[in-house]
């Protein structure tokens, strides 16, 4: 998914459908710090001269991940001013509970739209929520130290 806005901040959020314990958040951005920036030619076909490695989306250089039980008050789970894009695994240092989890980009790597391929939240389910739930297409998670109980994924 891409945020279409051209100014910061830009945000993506996931609704877990119940207040849950949040143990781990995984963000997968379309680009990373090693990708060359796409710069269209001054005239002619905007795709002319483009290479396969050029990414037409940005990743956040400065961002915060927050959780909320009521969508009015947000508690910071993670904050960085040195974002590198790619795969970002976040394990809170203290217990966090929330129904909504959001990633807010405060500063992007380029003027291109922010590109997020996966937003995954893992933890313990809340009242009235099944033990395992998928809220969107599944992304590859790789090896985990313990199996997830909540799996909320929005591409």
N, C-alpha and C. Protein backbone atom coordinates (compact mmCIF):
# COMPACT_ATOMS: atom_id res chain seq x y z
N UNK A 1 0.83 -1.16 0.00
CA UNK A 1 0.00 0.00 0.00
C UNK A 1 0.88 1.23 0.00
N UNK A 2 0.39 2.26 -0.61
CA UNK A 2 1.16 3.51 -0.65
C UNK A 2 0.27 4.63 -0.15
N UNK A 3 0.87 5.46 0.67
CA UNK A 3 0.21 6.67 1.11
C UNK A 3 0.35 7.66 -0.04
N UNK A 4 -0.76 8.25 -0.47
CA UNK A 4 -0.73 9.11 -1.64
C UNK A 4 -0.39 10.56 -1.33
N UNK A 5 -0.39 10.93 -0.07
CA UNK A 5 -0.08 12.31 0.28
C UNK A 5 1.36 12.69 -0.06
N UNK A 6 1.59 13.95 -0.22
CA UNK A 6 2.93 14.41 -0.56
C UNK A 6 3.59 15.17 0.58
N UNK A 7 2.90 15.30 1.70
CA UNK A 7 3.51 16.00 2.83
C UNK A 7 3.54 15.08 4.05
N UNK A 8 4.38 15.42 4.99
CA UNK A 8 4.48 14.65 6.23
C UNK A 8 3.67 15.35 7.31
N UNK A 9 3.18 14.66 8.31
CA UNK A 9 3.31 13.23 8.56
C UNK A 9 2.35 12.41 7.71
N UNK A 10 2.72 11.13 7.52
CA UNK A 10 1.87 10.16 6.85
C UNK A 10 1.73 8.96 7.79
N UNK A 11 0.55 8.33 7.81
CA UNK A 11 0.34 7.26 8.77
C UNK A 11 -0.43 6.09 8.17
N UNK A 12 -0.14 4.90 8.70
CA UNK A 12 -0.87 3.67 8.40
C UNK A 12 -1.30 3.10 9.74
N UNK A 13 -2.50 2.49 9.83
CA UNK A 13 -2.92 1.90 11.10
C UNK A 13 -3.60 0.56 10.87
N UNK A 14 -3.60 -0.25 11.94
CA UNK A 14 -4.23 -1.57 11.94
C UNK A 14 -5.19 -1.61 13.11
N UNK A 15 -6.41 -2.11 12.88
CA UNK A 15 -7.41 -2.31 13.93
C UNK A 15 -7.39 -3.79 14.30
N UNK A 16 -7.03 -4.12 15.54
CA UNK A 16 -6.96 -5.51 15.99
C UNK A 16 -8.33 -6.06 16.40
N UNK A 17 -9.37 -5.22 16.38
CA UNK A 17 -10.76 -5.59 16.67
C UNK A 17 -11.05 -5.85 18.15
N UNK A 18 -10.04 -5.82 19.00
CA UNK A 18 -10.20 -5.94 20.46
C UNK A 18 -8.90 -5.48 21.09
N UNK A 19 -8.95 -5.08 22.36
CA UNK A 19 -7.73 -4.69 23.06
C UNK A 19 -6.91 -5.96 23.28
N UNK A 20 -5.66 -5.93 22.83
CA UNK A 20 -4.78 -7.09 22.87
C UNK A 20 -3.43 -6.71 23.48
N UNK A 21 -2.68 -7.71 23.90
CA UNK A 21 -1.30 -7.49 24.31
C UNK A 21 -0.42 -7.47 23.07
N UNK A 22 0.42 -6.47 22.92
CA UNK A 22 1.25 -6.32 21.73
C UNK A 22 2.69 -6.65 22.10
N UNK A 23 3.21 -7.74 21.52
CA UNK A 23 4.56 -8.20 21.82
C UNK A 23 5.57 -7.85 20.74
N UNK A 24 5.09 -7.68 19.52
CA UNK A 24 6.03 -7.54 18.41
C UNK A 24 5.32 -6.91 17.23
N UNK A 25 5.99 -5.99 16.52
CA UNK A 25 5.46 -5.35 15.32
C UNK A 25 6.52 -5.50 14.23
N UNK A 26 6.07 -5.88 13.05
CA UNK A 26 6.99 -6.01 11.91
C UNK A 26 6.47 -5.13 10.78
N UNK A 27 7.33 -4.22 10.30
CA UNK A 27 7.01 -3.35 9.17
C UNK A 27 7.92 -3.74 8.01
N UNK A 28 7.36 -3.83 6.83
CA UNK A 28 8.17 -4.12 5.63
C UNK A 28 7.92 -2.98 4.64
N UNK A 29 8.97 -2.19 4.42
CA UNK A 29 8.87 -1.07 3.50
C UNK A 29 9.33 -1.50 2.12
N UNK A 30 8.76 -0.90 1.07
CA UNK A 30 9.11 -1.25 -0.31
C UNK A 30 10.57 -0.97 -0.62
N UNK A 31 11.10 0.07 -0.06
CA UNK A 31 12.49 0.45 -0.34
C UNK A 31 13.32 0.47 0.92
N UNK A 32 14.63 0.58 0.72
CA UNK A 32 15.52 0.75 1.87
C UNK A 32 16.62 1.73 1.50
N UNK A 33 17.48 2.01 2.45
CA UNK A 33 18.52 3.03 2.27
C UNK A 33 19.48 2.72 1.13
N UNK A 34 19.60 1.46 0.73
CA UNK A 34 20.52 1.08 -0.34
C UNK A 34 19.95 1.24 -1.74
N UNK A 35 18.65 1.52 -1.87
CA UNK A 35 18.03 1.65 -3.19
C UNK A 35 18.32 3.01 -3.80
N UNK A 36 18.64 3.03 -5.09
CA UNK A 36 18.83 4.33 -5.75
C UNK A 36 17.49 5.06 -5.89
N UNK A 37 17.50 6.34 -5.74
CA UNK A 37 16.30 7.16 -5.85
C UNK A 37 15.91 7.31 -7.32
N UNK A 38 14.63 7.13 -7.63
CA UNK A 38 14.14 7.33 -8.99
C UNK A 38 14.03 8.83 -9.26
N UNK A 39 14.68 9.28 -10.31
CA UNK A 39 14.59 10.67 -10.74
C UNK A 39 14.18 10.65 -12.21
N UNK A 40 12.96 11.13 -12.52
CA UNK A 40 12.51 11.09 -13.91
C UNK A 40 13.34 12.01 -14.78
N UNK A 41 13.47 11.67 -16.08
CA UNK A 41 14.23 12.54 -16.98
C UNK A 41 13.53 13.90 -17.12
N UNK A 42 14.28 14.95 -17.44
CA UNK A 42 13.68 16.29 -17.53
C UNK A 42 12.63 16.40 -18.62
N UNK A 43 12.71 15.55 -19.66
CA UNK A 43 11.68 15.57 -20.72
C UNK A 43 11.56 14.18 -21.32
N UNK A 44 10.48 13.99 -22.05
CA UNK A 44 10.26 12.69 -22.68
C UNK A 44 9.55 11.71 -21.75
N UNK A 45 9.70 10.45 -22.04
CA UNK A 45 9.05 9.39 -21.29
C UNK A 45 9.57 9.35 -19.85
N UNK A 46 8.67 9.47 -18.84
CA UNK A 46 9.14 9.46 -17.46
C UNK A 46 9.81 8.14 -17.06
N UNK A 47 9.53 7.06 -17.81
CA UNK A 47 10.16 5.77 -17.52
C UNK A 47 11.46 5.57 -18.29
N UNK A 48 11.79 6.48 -19.18
CA UNK A 48 13.01 6.35 -19.97
C UNK A 48 14.25 6.41 -19.09
N UNK A 49 15.12 5.45 -19.26
CA UNK A 49 16.36 5.43 -18.50
C UNK A 49 16.23 4.85 -17.10
N UNK A 50 15.01 4.42 -16.72
CA UNK A 50 14.82 3.85 -15.39
C UNK A 50 15.44 2.46 -15.33
N UNK A 51 15.97 2.11 -14.17
CA UNK A 51 16.51 0.77 -13.98
C UNK A 51 15.56 -0.01 -13.08
N UNK A 52 15.73 -1.30 -13.02
CA UNK A 52 14.85 -2.15 -12.22
C UNK A 52 15.02 -1.86 -10.73
N UNK A 53 16.18 -1.42 -10.31
CA UNK A 53 16.44 -1.21 -8.89
C UNK A 53 15.88 0.11 -8.35
N UNK A 54 15.55 1.03 -9.22
CA UNK A 54 15.05 2.31 -8.73
C UNK A 54 13.68 2.13 -8.10
N UNK A 55 13.48 2.74 -6.96
CA UNK A 55 12.23 2.60 -6.22
C UNK A 55 11.48 3.92 -6.28
N UNK A 56 10.21 3.84 -6.63
CA UNK A 56 9.39 5.04 -6.74
C UNK A 56 8.54 5.26 -5.50
N UNK A 57 9.05 4.82 -4.40
CA UNK A 57 8.39 5.09 -3.12
C UNK A 57 9.47 5.43 -2.11
N UNK A 58 9.06 6.00 -1.01
CA UNK A 58 10.02 6.36 0.02
C UNK A 58 9.83 5.46 1.24
N UNK A 59 10.79 5.52 2.14
CA UNK A 59 10.66 4.87 3.44
C UNK A 59 10.87 5.96 4.49
N UNK A 60 10.36 5.74 5.71
CA UNK A 60 10.51 6.80 6.71
C UNK A 60 11.91 6.86 7.29
N UNK A 61 12.45 8.05 7.38
CA UNK A 61 13.72 8.28 8.07
C UNK A 61 13.46 8.50 9.55
N UNK A 62 12.35 9.15 9.83
CA UNK A 62 11.94 9.40 11.21
C UNK A 62 10.49 8.93 11.33
N UNK A 63 10.24 8.00 12.26
CA UNK A 63 8.87 7.53 12.45
C UNK A 63 8.63 7.05 13.86
N UNK A 64 7.36 6.92 14.19
CA UNK A 64 6.94 6.43 15.50
C UNK A 64 5.88 5.36 15.30
N UNK A 65 5.91 4.32 16.14
CA UNK A 65 4.86 3.30 16.18
C UNK A 65 4.14 3.50 17.50
N UNK A 66 2.82 3.60 17.45
CA UNK A 66 2.02 3.88 18.63
C UNK A 66 0.86 2.90 18.74
N UNK A 67 0.35 2.72 19.96
CA UNK A 67 -0.81 1.87 20.21
C UNK A 67 -1.85 2.67 20.98
N UNK A 68 -3.12 2.29 20.79
CA UNK A 68 -4.21 2.98 21.48
C UNK A 68 -5.32 1.99 21.80
N UNK A 69 -5.95 2.18 22.94
CA UNK A 69 -7.12 1.36 23.29
C UNK A 69 -8.41 2.04 22.86
N UNK A 70 -8.37 3.37 22.64
CA UNK A 70 -9.59 4.12 22.33
C UNK A 70 -9.49 4.99 21.07
N UNK A 71 -8.38 4.95 20.39
CA UNK A 71 -8.10 5.73 19.17
C UNK A 71 -8.07 7.24 19.41
N UNK A 72 -8.02 7.63 20.69
CA UNK A 72 -7.92 9.05 21.04
C UNK A 72 -6.58 9.34 21.70
N UNK A 73 -6.18 8.46 22.63
CA UNK A 73 -4.89 8.61 23.31
C UNK A 73 -3.95 7.54 22.78
N UNK A 74 -2.75 7.96 22.34
CA UNK A 74 -1.78 7.04 21.74
C UNK A 74 -0.56 6.92 22.64
N UNK A 75 -0.06 5.70 22.80
CA UNK A 75 1.14 5.42 23.60
C UNK A 75 2.26 4.99 22.66
N UNK A 76 3.40 5.64 22.78
CA UNK A 76 4.53 5.33 21.91
C UNK A 76 5.09 3.95 22.23
N UNK A 77 5.27 3.12 21.19
CA UNK A 77 5.84 1.79 21.31
C UNK A 77 7.29 1.83 20.85
N UNK A 78 7.56 2.67 19.84
CA UNK A 78 8.90 2.74 19.24
C UNK A 78 9.03 4.06 18.51
N UNK A 79 10.22 4.64 18.55
CA UNK A 79 10.50 5.88 17.83
C UNK A 79 11.95 5.84 17.33
N UNK A 80 12.16 6.32 16.10
CA UNK A 80 13.53 6.41 15.58
C UNK A 80 13.66 7.65 14.71
N UNK A 81 14.87 8.16 14.64
CA UNK A 81 15.20 9.25 13.73
C UNK A 81 16.24 8.76 12.72
N UNK A 82 16.46 7.44 12.69
CA UNK A 82 17.47 6.85 11.80
C UNK A 82 16.89 5.66 11.05
N UNK A 83 15.69 5.81 10.48
CA UNK A 83 15.05 4.72 9.75
C UNK A 83 15.81 4.36 8.48
N UNK A 84 15.89 3.07 8.19
CA UNK A 84 16.61 2.59 7.01
C UNK A 84 15.71 1.88 6.01
N UNK A 85 14.41 1.78 6.30
CA UNK A 85 13.50 1.07 5.40
C UNK A 85 13.72 -0.43 5.49
N UNK A 86 13.29 -1.15 4.43
CA UNK A 86 13.42 -2.61 4.44
C UNK A 86 12.52 -3.22 5.50
N UNK A 87 12.99 -4.28 6.16
CA UNK A 87 12.24 -4.97 7.20
C UNK A 87 12.63 -4.40 8.56
N UNK A 88 11.64 -3.97 9.34
CA UNK A 88 11.88 -3.42 10.66
C UNK A 88 11.11 -4.25 11.67
N UNK A 89 11.82 -4.92 12.58
CA UNK A 89 11.21 -5.71 13.65
C UNK A 89 11.29 -4.92 14.94
N UNK A 90 10.13 -4.75 15.60
CA UNK A 90 10.05 -3.92 16.80
C UNK A 90 9.50 -4.77 17.94
N UNK A 91 10.27 -4.90 19.01
CA UNK A 91 9.79 -5.57 20.22
C UNK A 91 9.78 -4.53 21.33
N UNK A 92 8.59 -4.18 21.84
CA UNK A 92 8.51 -3.18 22.91
C UNK A 92 9.30 -3.63 24.14
N UNK A 93 9.92 -2.66 24.82
CA UNK A 93 10.70 -2.97 26.02
C UNK A 93 9.82 -3.13 27.26
N UNK A 94 8.56 -2.70 27.16
CA UNK A 94 7.61 -2.85 28.27
C UNK A 94 6.27 -3.35 27.70
N UNK A 95 5.41 -3.95 28.53
CA UNK A 95 4.12 -4.45 28.01
C UNK A 95 3.29 -3.31 27.41
N UNK A 96 2.66 -3.62 26.29
CA UNK A 96 1.81 -2.65 25.60
C UNK A 96 0.49 -3.32 25.30
N UNK A 97 -0.60 -2.60 25.55
CA UNK A 97 -1.93 -3.09 25.20
C UNK A 97 -2.56 -2.08 24.25
N UNK A 98 -3.33 -2.57 23.29
CA UNK A 98 -4.01 -1.67 22.38
C UNK A 98 -4.91 -2.40 21.42
N UNK A 99 -5.86 -1.68 20.90
CA UNK A 99 -6.73 -2.20 19.85
C UNK A 99 -6.23 -1.71 18.49
N UNK A 100 -5.71 -0.49 18.46
CA UNK A 100 -5.19 0.09 17.22
C UNK A 100 -3.69 0.25 17.33
N UNK A 101 -3.00 -0.02 16.25
CA UNK A 101 -1.56 0.20 16.17
C UNK A 101 -1.32 1.02 14.91
N UNK A 102 -0.53 2.08 15.03
CA UNK A 102 -0.25 2.90 13.85
C UNK A 102 1.23 3.20 13.74
N UNK A 103 1.66 3.38 12.50
CA UNK A 103 3.01 3.80 12.19
C UNK A 103 2.86 5.18 11.54
N UNK A 104 3.49 6.18 12.13
CA UNK A 104 3.42 7.52 11.59
C UNK A 104 4.81 7.96 11.15
N UNK A 105 4.91 8.23 9.85
CA UNK A 105 6.17 8.72 9.29
C UNK A 105 6.22 10.23 9.46
N UNK A 106 7.27 10.70 10.10
CA UNK A 106 7.43 12.13 10.34
C UNK A 106 8.34 12.79 9.31
N UNK A 107 9.23 11.98 8.71
CA UNK A 107 10.14 12.50 7.67
C UNK A 107 10.50 11.34 6.75
N UNK A 108 10.36 11.54 5.43
CA UNK A 108 10.59 10.48 4.44
C UNK A 108 11.95 10.60 3.77
N UNK A 109 12.36 9.50 3.15
CA UNK A 109 13.66 9.45 2.47
C UNK A 109 13.65 10.19 1.14
N UNK A 110 12.49 10.44 0.58
CA UNK A 110 12.38 11.15 -0.70
C UNK A 110 10.98 11.75 -0.79
N UNK A 111 10.72 12.57 -1.81
CA UNK A 111 9.38 13.13 -1.96
C UNK A 111 8.35 12.12 -2.50
N UNK A 112 8.80 10.92 -2.87
CA UNK A 112 7.87 9.91 -3.38
C UNK A 112 6.95 9.43 -2.27
N UNK A 113 5.78 8.87 -2.63
CA UNK A 113 4.85 8.36 -1.61
C UNK A 113 5.52 7.29 -0.74
N UNK A 114 5.08 7.22 0.50
CA UNK A 114 5.58 6.22 1.44
C UNK A 114 5.05 4.85 1.02
N UNK A 115 5.93 3.85 0.86
CA UNK A 115 5.52 2.52 0.44
C UNK A 115 5.71 1.51 1.57
N UNK A 116 4.60 0.87 1.99
CA UNK A 116 4.63 -0.12 3.05
C UNK A 116 4.04 -1.41 2.50
N UNK A 117 4.83 -2.48 2.47
CA UNK A 117 4.37 -3.77 1.92
C UNK A 117 3.64 -4.61 2.96
N UNK A 118 4.02 -4.52 4.23
CA UNK A 118 3.37 -5.30 5.28
C UNK A 118 3.43 -4.57 6.60
N UNK A 119 2.35 -4.70 7.37
CA UNK A 119 2.25 -4.14 8.72
C UNK A 119 1.69 -5.27 9.56
N UNK A 120 2.53 -5.92 10.35
CA UNK A 120 2.14 -7.11 11.10
C UNK A 120 2.26 -6.84 12.59
N UNK A 121 1.25 -7.31 13.35
CA UNK A 121 1.22 -7.12 14.79
C UNK A 121 1.05 -8.49 15.44
N UNK A 122 1.89 -8.81 16.43
CA UNK A 122 1.87 -10.11 17.11
C UNK A 122 1.72 -9.90 18.61
N UNK A 123 1.03 -10.81 19.27
CA UNK A 123 0.88 -10.71 20.72
C UNK A 123 -0.17 -11.68 21.22
N UNK A 124 -0.89 -11.29 22.30
CA UNK A 124 -1.93 -12.13 22.88
C UNK A 124 -3.29 -11.53 22.59
N UNK A 125 -4.24 -12.39 22.28
CA UNK A 125 -5.56 -11.90 21.87
C UNK A 125 -6.33 -11.33 23.04
N UNK A 126 -7.25 -10.43 22.70
CA UNK A 126 -8.10 -9.80 23.70
C UNK A 126 -9.43 -10.49 23.81
N UNK A 127 -10.29 -9.98 24.68
CA UNK A 127 -11.62 -10.55 24.90
C UNK A 127 -12.44 -10.53 23.62
N UNK A 128 -13.12 -11.63 23.36
CA UNK A 128 -14.00 -11.70 22.21
C UNK A 128 -13.29 -11.83 20.88
N UNK A 129 -12.02 -12.13 20.90
CA UNK A 129 -11.25 -12.24 19.66
C UNK A 129 -10.73 -13.66 19.55
N UNK A 130 -10.80 -14.26 18.37
CA UNK A 130 -10.27 -15.62 18.21
C UNK A 130 -8.77 -15.65 18.47
N UNK A 131 -8.26 -16.83 18.82
CA UNK A 131 -6.85 -16.98 19.17
C UNK A 131 -5.93 -16.57 18.03
N UNK A 132 -6.30 -16.85 16.79
CA UNK A 132 -5.51 -16.44 15.63
C UNK A 132 -6.45 -15.78 14.65
N UNK A 133 -6.09 -14.60 14.18
CA UNK A 133 -6.94 -13.90 13.22
C UNK A 133 -6.05 -13.26 12.16
N UNK A 134 -6.50 -13.30 10.94
CA UNK A 134 -5.79 -12.67 9.84
C UNK A 134 -6.72 -11.62 9.27
N UNK A 135 -6.25 -10.37 9.22
CA UNK A 135 -7.09 -9.28 8.74
C UNK A 135 -6.73 -8.84 7.34
N UNK A 136 -5.95 -9.61 6.64
CA UNK A 136 -5.57 -9.25 5.29
C UNK A 136 -4.68 -10.32 4.71
N UNK A 137 -4.17 -10.12 3.49
CA UNK A 137 -3.28 -11.12 2.90
C UNK A 137 -2.07 -11.38 3.78
N UNK A 138 -1.67 -12.62 3.83
CA UNK A 138 -0.56 -13.05 4.67
C UNK A 138 0.78 -12.75 4.02
N UNK A 139 1.70 -12.23 4.78
CA UNK A 139 3.07 -12.01 4.30
C UNK A 139 3.97 -13.05 4.95
N UNK A 140 5.09 -13.35 4.34
CA UNK A 140 6.05 -14.31 4.91
C UNK A 140 6.63 -13.70 6.18
N UNK A 141 6.61 -14.45 7.29
CA UNK A 141 7.09 -13.91 8.55
C UNK A 141 8.48 -14.36 8.94
N UNK A 142 8.98 -15.44 8.41
CA UNK A 142 10.29 -15.92 8.82
C UNK A 142 10.21 -16.61 10.16
N UNK A 143 11.34 -16.86 10.77
CA UNK A 143 11.38 -17.60 12.03
C UNK A 143 11.07 -16.69 13.20
N UNK A 144 10.21 -17.16 14.08
CA UNK A 144 9.87 -16.44 15.31
C UNK A 144 10.31 -17.28 16.50
N UNK A 145 10.62 -16.63 17.61
CA UNK A 145 11.04 -17.36 18.79
C UNK A 145 9.88 -18.14 19.40
N UNK A 146 8.67 -17.66 19.25
CA UNK A 146 7.48 -18.39 19.68
C UNK A 146 6.36 -18.08 18.69
N UNK A 147 5.39 -18.96 18.52
CA UNK A 147 4.35 -18.72 17.52
C UNK A 147 3.47 -17.53 17.91
N UNK A 148 3.04 -16.76 16.92
CA UNK A 148 2.20 -15.61 17.22
C UNK A 148 0.79 -16.05 17.61
N UNK A 149 0.14 -15.25 18.42
CA UNK A 149 -1.25 -15.50 18.78
C UNK A 149 -2.14 -14.58 17.98
N UNK A 150 -1.73 -13.33 17.85
CA UNK A 150 -2.47 -12.38 17.00
C UNK A 150 -1.66 -12.24 15.72
N UNK A 151 -2.34 -12.23 14.61
CA UNK A 151 -1.63 -11.95 13.36
C UNK A 151 -2.50 -11.02 12.56
N UNK A 152 -2.26 -9.75 12.66
CA UNK A 152 -3.03 -8.75 11.94
C UNK A 152 -2.13 -8.20 10.86
N UNK A 153 -2.51 -8.39 9.61
CA UNK A 153 -1.66 -8.01 8.49
C UNK A 153 -2.47 -7.14 7.54
N UNK A 154 -1.91 -5.98 7.20
CA UNK A 154 -2.51 -5.12 6.17
C UNK A 154 -1.44 -4.77 5.18
N UNK A 155 -1.57 -5.20 3.93
CA UNK A 155 -0.56 -4.86 2.93
C UNK A 155 -0.71 -3.43 2.45
